[in-house]
Amino acid sequence: AGAAFSAINKQIGSAINTFKKFEFQMAKVKATTGATDKDFKKLTATAKQLGRTTFFTASQVGELQMNYAKLGFTTSEILDAQEATLRLATATGSDLARAAVVAGAAVRGFNLDASETERVVDVMAVAFTSSALDIEKWQTSMTKVAPIAAGAGVSIEITAAVMGKLTDAGIEASFRPDRCFREC
């Protein structure tokens, strides 16, 4: 009886800790997004739903939401970007929070609308499966490349293809699309 009570107590304690972690994460999401009560309920509901239906937890989805909010995504933009980001994290083996930062930064870096997050994620997936480019190299390169490429009018698709070829050749994080497309 004592062992059974101990096991039950452990399970209840674990459930309470999971609930507290989720509630704390969602409080951070609310503070970061500045969402109305109605919008916050949508964010909470989708975090719970994705936590139930994927192998990611609801707290991890909350981290994704918070990172998108830090990049200036609105509630509706976050909701639109979530599922594509889940696929990116799954495909790359990265955590949701990082996938959100990387995808969101690429969207913002190329001055794209948040509704194009799925496009960005698809471009990333193709680049990662057809070259030596991975999420780490992408993130490192994009900090330098995206603003220049966007300013030069070079699409994310072309930029990703060139980055993949350069990475395959051992050249990383130094691609200058403004120079390359004039001189290459």
C-alpha atoms as a PDB file:
ATOM      1  CA  ALA A   1       0.000   0.000   0.000  1.00  0.00           C
ATOM      2  CA  GLY A   2       2.868   2.339   0.817  1.00  0.00           C
ATOM      3  CA  ALA A   3       4.518   1.716  -2.566  1.00  0.00           C
ATOM      4  CA  ALA A   4       1.243   2.317  -4.375  1.00  0.00           C
ATOM      5  CA  PHE A   5       0.666   5.524  -2.422  1.00  0.00           C
ATOM      6  CA  SER A   6       4.207   6.675  -3.221  1.00  0.00           C
ATOM      7  CA  ALA A   7       3.720   5.963  -6.950  1.00  0.00           C
ATOM      8  CA  ILE A   8       0.395   7.808  -7.002  1.00  0.00           C
ATOM      9  CA  ASN A   9       1.914  10.722  -5.084  1.00  0.00           C
ATOM     10  CA  LYS A  10       4.779  10.883  -7.593  1.00  0.00           C
ATOM     11  CA  GLN A  11       2.343  10.951 -10.529  1.00  0.00           C
ATOM     12  CA  ILE A  12       0.253  13.699  -8.966  1.00  0.00           C
ATOM     13  CA  GLY A  13       3.385  15.727  -8.199  1.00  0.00           C
ATOM     14  CA  SER A  14       4.569  15.331 -11.789  1.00  0.00           C
ATOM     15  CA  ALA A  15       1.179  16.445 -13.129  1.00  0.00           C
ATOM     16  CA  ILE A  16       1.167  19.493 -10.864  1.00  0.00           C
ATOM     17  CA  ASN A  17       4.693  20.456 -11.953  1.00  0.00           C
ATOM     18  CA  THR A  18       3.756  20.067 -15.629  1.00  0.00           C
ATOM     19  CA  PHE A  19       0.690  22.259 -15.102  1.00  0.00           C
ATOM     20  CA  LYS A  20       2.734  24.902 -13.239  1.00  0.00           C
ATOM     21  CA  LYS A  21       5.388  24.946 -15.960  1.00  0.00           C
ATOM     22  CA  PHE A  22       2.728  25.401 -18.652  1.00  0.00           C
ATOM     23  CA  GLU A  23       0.931  28.145 -16.730  1.00  0.00           C
ATOM     24  CA  PHE A  24       4.203  29.993 -16.146  1.00  0.00           C
ATOM     25  CA  GLN A  25       5.129  29.701 -19.831  1.00  0.00           C
ATOM     26  CA  MET A  26       1.746  30.992 -20.928  1.00  0.00           C
ATOM     27  CA  ALA A  27       2.008  33.909 -18.493  1.00  0.00           C
ATOM     28  CA  LYS A  28       5.243  34.839 -20.263  1.00  0.00           C
ATOM     29  CA  VAL A  29       3.461  34.499 -23.634  1.00  0.00           C
ATOM     30  CA  LYS A  30       0.690  36.824 -22.469  1.00  0.00           C
ATOM     31  CA  ALA A  31       3.185  39.400 -21.212  1.00  0.00           C
ATOM     32  CA  THR A  32       5.265  39.224 -24.395  1.00  0.00           C
ATOM     33  CA  THR A  33       2.379  39.294 -26.865  1.00  0.00           C
ATOM     34  CA  GLY A  34       0.222  41.799 -25.058  1.00  0.00           C
ATOM     35  CA  ALA A  35      -2.668  39.691 -26.357  1.00  0.00           C
ATOM     36  CA  THR A  36      -6.240  40.465 -25.467  1.00  0.00           C
ATOM     37  CA  ASP A  37      -8.034  37.906 -23.303  1.00  0.00           C
ATOM     38  CA  LYS A  38      -9.759  36.515 -26.396  1.00  0.00           C
ATOM     39  CA  ASP A  39      -6.475  36.178 -28.318  1.00  0.00           C
ATOM     40  CA  PHE A  40      -4.686  34.735 -25.306  1.00  0.00           C
ATOM     41  CA  LYS A  41      -7.379  32.071 -24.983  1.00  0.00           C
ATOM     42  CA  LYS A  42      -6.708  31.121 -28.627  1.00  0.00           C
ATOM     43  CA  LEU A  43      -2.967  30.849 -27.980  1.00  0.00           C
ATOM     44  CA  THR A  44      -3.547  28.761 -24.856  1.00  0.00           C
ATOM     45  CA  ALA A  45      -6.052  26.494 -26.600  1.00  0.00           C
ATOM     46  CA  THR A  46      -3.753  25.821 -29.548  1.00  0.00           C
ATOM     47  CA  ALA A  47      -0.785  25.180 -27.243  1.00  0.00           C
ATOM     48  CA  LYS A  48      -2.850  22.610 -25.345  1.00  0.00           C
ATOM     49  CA  GLN A  49      -4.210  21.073 -28.545  1.00  0.00           C
ATOM     50  CA  LEU A  50      -0.773  20.779 -30.167  1.00  0.00           C
ATOM     51  CA  GLY A  51       0.618  19.462 -26.896  1.00  0.00           C
ATOM     52  CA  ARG A  52      -2.000  16.682 -26.975  1.00  0.00           C
ATOM     53  CA  THR A  53      -1.711  15.821 -30.674  1.00  0.00           C
ATOM     54  CA  THR A  54       2.048  16.056 -31.327  1.00  0.00           C
ATOM     55  CA  PHE A  55       5.098  14.779 -29.513  1.00  0.00           C
ATOM     56  CA  PHE A  56       5.859  18.332 -28.385  1.00  0.00           C
ATOM     57  CA  THR A  57       4.516  19.493 -25.045  1.00  0.00           C
ATOM     58  CA  ALA A  58       2.118  22.370 -24.573  1.00  0.00           C
ATOM     59  CA  SER A  59       4.895  24.233 -22.731  1.00  0.00           C
ATOM     60  CA  GLN A  60       7.198  23.827 -25.739  1.00  0.00           C
ATOM     61  CA  VAL A  61       4.474  25.258 -27.982  1.00  0.00           C
ATOM     62  CA  GLY A  62       4.248  28.153 -25.520  1.00  0.00           C
ATOM     63  CA  GLU A  63       7.993  28.743 -25.968  1.00  0.00           C
ATOM     64  CA  LEU A  64       7.452  28.813 -29.742  1.00  0.00           C
ATOM     65  CA  GLN A  65       4.657  31.358 -29.286  1.00  0.00           C
ATOM     66  CA  MET A  66       6.791  33.531 -27.042  1.00  0.00           C
ATOM     67  CA  ASN A  67       9.715  33.564 -29.479  1.00  0.00           C
ATOM     68  CA  TYR A  68       7.467  34.574 -32.358  1.00  0.00           C
ATOM     69  CA  ALA A  69       5.993  37.312 -30.176  1.00  0.00           C
ATOM     70  CA  LYS A  70       9.505  38.589 -29.433  1.00  0.00           C
ATOM     71  CA  LEU A  71      10.005  38.909 -33.193  1.00  0.00           C
ATOM     72  CA  GLY A  72       6.879  41.072 -33.412  1.00  0.00           C
ATOM     73  CA  PHE A  73       4.439  38.460 -34.702  1.00  0.00           C
ATOM     74  CA  THR A  74       0.804  39.138 -33.815  1.00  0.00           C
ATOM     75  CA  THR A  75      -1.461  36.488 -32.297  1.00  0.00           C
ATOM     76  CA  SER A  76      -2.959  35.580 -35.663  1.00  0.00           C
ATOM     77  CA  GLU A  77       0.514  35.427 -37.231  1.00  0.00           C
ATOM     78  CA  ILE A  78       1.711  33.144 -34.434  1.00  0.00           C
ATOM     79  CA  LEU A  79      -1.288  30.886 -34.905  1.00  0.00           C
ATOM     80  CA  ASP A  80      -0.617  30.735 -38.654  1.00  0.00           C
ATOM     81  CA  ALA A  81       3.081  29.936 -38.158  1.00  0.00           C
ATOM     82  CA  GLN A  82       2.802  27.247 -35.487  1.00  0.00           C
ATOM     83  CA  GLU A  83       2.186  24.120 -37.542  1.00  0.00           C
ATOM     84  CA  ALA A  84       4.881  24.905 -40.118  1.00  0.00           C
ATOM     85  CA  THR A  85       7.304  25.483 -37.263  1.00  0.00           C
ATOM     86  CA  LEU A  86       6.357  22.159 -35.682  1.00  0.00           C
ATOM     87  CA  ARG A  87       7.222  20.464 -38.981  1.00  0.00           C
ATOM     88  CA  LEU A  88      10.542  22.334 -39.155  1.00  0.00           C
ATOM     89  CA  ALA A  89      11.504  21.328 -35.614  1.00  0.00           C
ATOM     90  CA  THR A  90      10.550  17.737 -36.348  1.00  0.00           C
ATOM     91  CA  ALA A  91      12.508  17.636 -39.608  1.00  0.00           C
ATOM     92  CA  THR A  92      15.631  19.241 -38.146  1.00  0.00           C
ATOM     93  CA  GLY A  93      15.513  17.626 -34.725  1.00  0.00           C
ATOM     94  CA  SER A  94      15.681  21.042 -33.103  1.00  0.00           C
ATOM     95  CA  ASP A  95      13.508  22.341 -30.304  1.00  0.00           C
ATOM     96  CA  LEU A  96      10.436  24.416 -31.070  1.00  0.00           C
ATOM     97  CA  ALA A  97      11.755  27.601 -29.511  1.00  0.00           C
ATOM     98  CA  ARG A  98      14.843  27.570 -31.736  1.00  0.00           C
ATOM     99  CA  ALA A  99      12.859  26.627 -34.845  1.00  0.00           C
ATOM    100  CA  ALA A 100      10.587  29.611 -34.190  1.00  0.00           C
ATOM    101  CA  VAL A 101      13.527  31.989 -33.819  1.00  0.00           C
ATOM    102  CA  VAL A 102      15.222  30.733 -36.989  1.00  0.00           C
ATOM    103  CA  ALA A 103      12.083  30.667 -39.155  1.00  0.00           C
ATOM    104  CA  GLY A 104      10.767  33.953 -37.755  1.00  0.00           C
ATOM    105  CA  ALA A 105      14.087  35.717 -38.270  1.00  0.00           C
ATOM    106  CA  ALA A 106      14.166  34.550 -41.898  1.00  0.00           C
ATOM    107  CA  VAL A 107      10.616  35.825 -42.428  1.00  0.00           C
ATOM    108  CA  ARG A 108      11.510  39.186 -40.906  1.00  0.00           C
ATOM    109  CA  GLY A 109      14.944  39.314 -42.575  1.00  0.00           C
ATOM    110  CA  PHE A 110      13.399  38.968 -46.024  1.00  0.00           C
ATOM    111  CA  ASN A 111      10.605  41.428 -45.188  1.00  0.00           C
ATOM    112  CA  LEU A 112       7.997  38.734 -45.772  1.00  0.00           C
ATOM    113  CA  ASP A 113       4.541  38.594 -44.338  1.00  0.00           C
ATOM    114  CA  ALA A 114       4.145  36.158 -41.461  1.00  0.00           C
ATOM    115  CA  SER A 115       1.626  34.264 -43.585  1.00  0.00           C
ATOM    116  CA  GLU A 116       4.640  33.193 -45.654  1.00  0.00           C
ATOM    117  CA  THR A 117       6.214  31.286 -42.766  1.00  0.00           C
ATOM    118  CA  GLU A 118       5.177  27.991 -44.336  1.00  0.00           C
ATOM    119  CA  ARG A 119       6.962  29.008 -47.544  1.00  0.00           C
ATOM    120  CA  VAL A 120      10.099  29.845 -45.561  1.00  0.00           C
ATOM    121  CA  VAL A 121       9.960  26.535 -43.695  1.00  0.00           C
ATOM    122  CA  ASP A 122       9.524  24.659 -46.985  1.00  0.00           C
ATOM    123  CA  VAL A 123      12.550  26.465 -48.466  1.00  0.00           C
ATOM    124  CA  MET A 124      14.567  25.586 -45.392  1.00  0.00           C
ATOM    125  CA  ALA A 125      13.538  21.924 -45.572  1.00  0.00           C
ATOM    126  CA  VAL A 126      14.574  21.675 -49.236  1.00  0.00           C
ATOM    127  CA  ALA A 127      17.871  23.446 -48.532  1.00  0.00           C
ATOM    128  CA  PHE A 128      18.628  21.157 -45.586  1.00  0.00           C
ATOM    129  CA  THR A 129      17.845  17.952 -47.475  1.00  0.00           C
ATOM    130  CA  SER A 130      19.643  18.862 -50.697  1.00  0.00           C
ATOM    131  CA  SER A 131      22.873  20.339 -49.326  1.00  0.00           C
ATOM    132  CA  ALA A 132      25.201  20.372 -46.340  1.00  0.00           C
ATOM    133  CA  LEU A 133      23.230  23.315 -44.973  1.00  0.00           C
ATOM    134  CA  ASP A 134      21.589  22.700 -41.590  1.00  0.00           C
ATOM    135  CA  ILE A 135      19.667  24.803 -39.100  1.00  0.00           C
ATOM    136  CA  GLU A 136      22.833  26.018 -37.345  1.00  0.00           C
ATOM    137  CA  LYS A 137      24.541  27.076 -40.562  1.00  0.00           C
ATOM    138  CA  TRP A 138      21.289  28.613 -41.806  1.00  0.00           C
ATOM    139  CA  GLN A 139      20.882  30.695 -38.662  1.00  0.00           C
ATOM    140  CA  THR A 140      24.489  31.859 -38.710  1.00  0.00           C
ATOM    141  CA  SER A 141      24.366  32.762 -42.391  1.00  0.00           C
ATOM    142  CA  MET A 142      20.951  34.402 -42.331  1.00  0.00           C
ATOM    143  CA  THR A 143      22.022  37.022 -39.825  1.00  0.00           C
ATOM    144  CA  LYS A 144      24.374  38.361 -42.482  1.00  0.00           C
ATOM    145  CA  VAL A 145      22.630  37.327 -45.667  1.00  0.00           C
ATOM    146  CA  ALA A 146      18.922  38.070 -45.260  1.00  0.00           C
ATOM    147  CA  PRO A 147      19.076  41.886 -45.039  1.00  0.00           C
ATOM    148  CA  ILE A 148      21.483  42.088 -47.968  1.00  0.00           C
ATOM    149  CA  ALA A 149      19.510  39.650 -50.117  1.00  0.00           C
ATOM    150  CA  ALA A 150      16.227  41.375 -49.339  1.00  0.00           C
ATOM    151  CA  GLY A 151      17.749  44.759 -50.144  1.00  0.00           C
ATOM    152  CA  ALA A 152      19.094  43.417 -53.432  1.00  0.00           C
ATOM    153  CA  GLY A 153      15.693  41.960 -54.337  1.00  0.00           C
ATOM    154  CA  VAL A 154      16.946  38.360 -54.173  1.00  0.00           C
ATOM    155  CA  SER A 155      14.306  35.833 -53.111  1.00  0.00           C
ATOM    156  CA  ILE A 156      14.696  33.489 -50.198  1.00  0.00           C
ATOM    157  CA  GLU A 157      14.577  30.554 -52.619  1.00  0.00           C
ATOM    158  CA  ILE A 158      17.536  31.819 -54.654  1.00  0.00           C
ATOM    159  CA  THR A 159      19.422  32.797 -51.513  1.00  0.00           C
ATOM    160  CA  ALA A 160      18.890  29.343 -49.988  1.00  0.00           C
ATOM    161  CA  ALA A 161      20.055  27.634 -53.185  1.00  0.00           C
ATOM    162  CA  VAL A 162      23.228  29.728 -53.315  1.00  0.00           C
ATOM    163  CA  MET A 163      23.848  29.243 -49.590  1.00  0.00           C
ATOM    164  CA  GLY A 164      23.479  25.481 -50.071  1.00  0.00           C
ATOM    165  CA  LYS A 165      26.005  25.439 -52.917  1.00  0.00           C
ATOM    166  CA  LEU A 166      28.457  27.586 -50.971  1.00  0.00           C
ATOM    167  CA  THR A 167      28.083  25.405 -47.874  1.00  0.00           C
ATOM    168  CA  ASP A 168      28.691  22.303 -50.012  1.00  0.00           C
ATOM    169  CA  ALA A 169      31.914  23.975 -51.171  1.00  0.00           C
ATOM    170  CA  GLY A 170      32.962  24.670 -47.576  1.00  0.00           C
ATOM    171  CA  ILE A 171      32.104  28.376 -47.608  1.00  0.00           C
ATOM    172  CA  GLU A 172      29.829  29.430 -44.761  1.00  0.00           C
ATOM    173  CA  ALA A 173      28.301  32.610 -43.332  1.00  0.00           C
ATOM    174  CA  SER A 174      30.004  34.943 -45.777  1.00  0.00           C
ATOM    175  CA  PHE A 175      27.727  34.925 -48.803  1.00  0.00           C
ATOM    176  CA  ARG A 176      27.077  38.417 -50.161  1.00  0.00           C
ATOM    177  CA  PRO A 177      24.160  38.163 -52.609  1.00  0.00           C
ATOM    178  CA  ASP A 178      24.531  41.775 -53.737  1.00  0.00           C
ATOM    179  CA  ARG A 179      28.075  41.031 -54.878  1.00  0.00           C
ATOM    180  CA  CYS A 180      27.475  37.504 -56.072  1.00  0.00           C
ATOM    181  CA  PHE A 181      24.581  38.333 -58.369  1.00  0.00           C
ATOM    182  CA  ARG A 182      26.515  41.200 -59.926  1.00  0.00           C
ATOM    183  CA  GLU A 183      29.842  39.387 -60.180  1.00  0.00           C
ATOM    184  CA  CYS A 184      28.988  35.663 -60.402  1.00  0.00           C
END
